[in-house]
């Protein structure tokens, strides 16, 4: 089976919970939460599409391989230093 991406779409809905507090000390955080929820409510997304940029993925894989090689070299240096002590 190939790597298929399954996403919700069509008439699906998203639910967001916002936690607020009646405590006066939490008033500013509650206001921030309510403002954020209000902004989120206005967002409308189009239909989901699969986006895969293989060049970015290849770049990151190469970076990981380089870091692995660097770590191996550092491990070898540490091992040699331990042996000389």
Protein backbone atom coordinates (compact mmCIF):
# COMPACT_ATOMS: atom_id res chain seq x y z
CA UNK A 1 0.00 0.00 0.00
CA UNK A 2 1.35 3.41 -0.91
CA UNK A 3 1.55 6.28 1.54
CA UNK A 4 -1.95 7.71 1.32
CA UNK A 5 -2.95 10.76 3.32
CA UNK A 6 -6.46 10.68 4.69
CA UNK A 7 -7.93 13.97 5.78
CA UNK A 8 -11.35 15.16 6.79
CA UNK A 9 -13.05 17.25 4.20
CA UNK A 10 -16.33 18.04 2.59
CA UNK A 11 -18.94 18.90 5.20
CA UNK A 12 -16.85 17.87 8.21
CA UNK A 13 -16.71 20.15 11.22
CA UNK A 14 -14.00 20.98 13.74
CA UNK A 15 -14.67 21.57 17.42
CA UNK A 16 -12.55 23.82 19.59
CA UNK A 17 -12.77 24.03 23.37
CA UNK A 18 -11.73 27.25 25.09
CA UNK A 19 -11.10 27.17 28.80
CA UNK A 20 -12.03 30.36 30.63
CA UNK A 21 -11.96 31.31 34.29
CA UNK A 22 -14.39 33.36 36.36
CA UNK A 23 -11.51 34.36 38.64
CA UNK A 24 -10.67 38.07 38.39
CA UNK A 25 -6.92 37.29 38.46
CA UNK A 26 -7.32 35.30 35.23
CA UNK A 27 -9.22 38.02 33.38
CA UNK A 28 -6.48 38.91 30.88
CA UNK A 29 -5.80 35.28 29.98
CA UNK A 30 -9.51 34.62 29.60
CA UNK A 31 -9.82 37.63 27.28
CA UNK A 32 -6.87 36.42 25.20
CA UNK A 33 -8.44 32.96 24.93
CA UNK A 34 -11.80 34.39 23.86
CA UNK A 35 -10.17 36.71 21.30
CA UNK A 36 -8.21 33.80 19.87
CA UNK A 37 -11.35 31.65 19.67
CA UNK A 38 -13.15 34.48 17.92
CA UNK A 39 -10.37 34.76 15.30
CA UNK A 40 -10.31 30.99 14.79
CA UNK A 41 -14.07 30.93 14.30
CA UNK A 42 -13.73 33.19 11.25
CA UNK A 43 -11.28 30.90 9.43
CA UNK A 44 -12.57 28.99 6.44
CA UNK A 45 -10.35 26.41 4.78
CA UNK A 46 -10.72 25.10 1.29
CA UNK A 47 -10.57 21.43 0.46
CA UNK A 48 -7.51 19.58 1.72
CA UNK A 49 -4.82 18.72 -0.77
CA UNK A 50 -1.82 16.46 -0.49
CA UNK A 51 1.37 18.49 -0.64
CA UNK A 52 4.69 16.75 -0.71
CA UNK A 53 7.89 18.49 -1.61
CA UNK A 54 10.45 15.74 -2.19
CA UNK A 55 13.32 18.21 -2.51
CA UNK A 56 12.71 19.50 1.03
CA UNK A 57 12.43 15.95 2.35
CA UNK A 58 15.68 14.96 0.62
CA UNK A 59 17.44 18.03 2.03
CA UNK A 60 16.39 17.15 5.59
CA UNK A 61 17.38 13.51 5.16
CA UNK A 62 20.82 14.62 4.01
CA UNK A 63 21.13 16.93 7.01
CA UNK A 64 20.27 14.06 9.36
CA UNK A 65 22.84 11.81 7.71
CA UNK A 66 25.51 14.50 8.06
CA UNK A 67 24.65 14.96 11.75
CA UNK A 68 24.83 11.20 12.27
CA UNK A 69 28.28 11.13 10.72
CA UNK A 70 29.37 14.11 12.84
CA UNK A 71 28.10 12.36 15.98
CA UNK A 72 29.94 9.17 15.03
CA UNK A 73 33.14 11.17 14.62
CA UNK A 74 32.64 12.82 18.01
CA UNK A 75 31.95 9.44 19.61
CA UNK A 76 35.20 8.12 18.11
CA UNK A 77 37.11 11.13 19.47
CA UNK A 78 35.65 10.61 22.94
CA UNK A 79 36.50 6.91 22.86
CA UNK A 80 40.11 7.68 21.87
CA UNK A 81 40.43 10.26 24.64
CA UNK A 82 39.06 7.77 27.17
CA UNK A 83 41.56 5.14 26.02
CA UNK A 84 44.50 7.52 26.46
CA UNK A 85 43.42 8.42 30.00
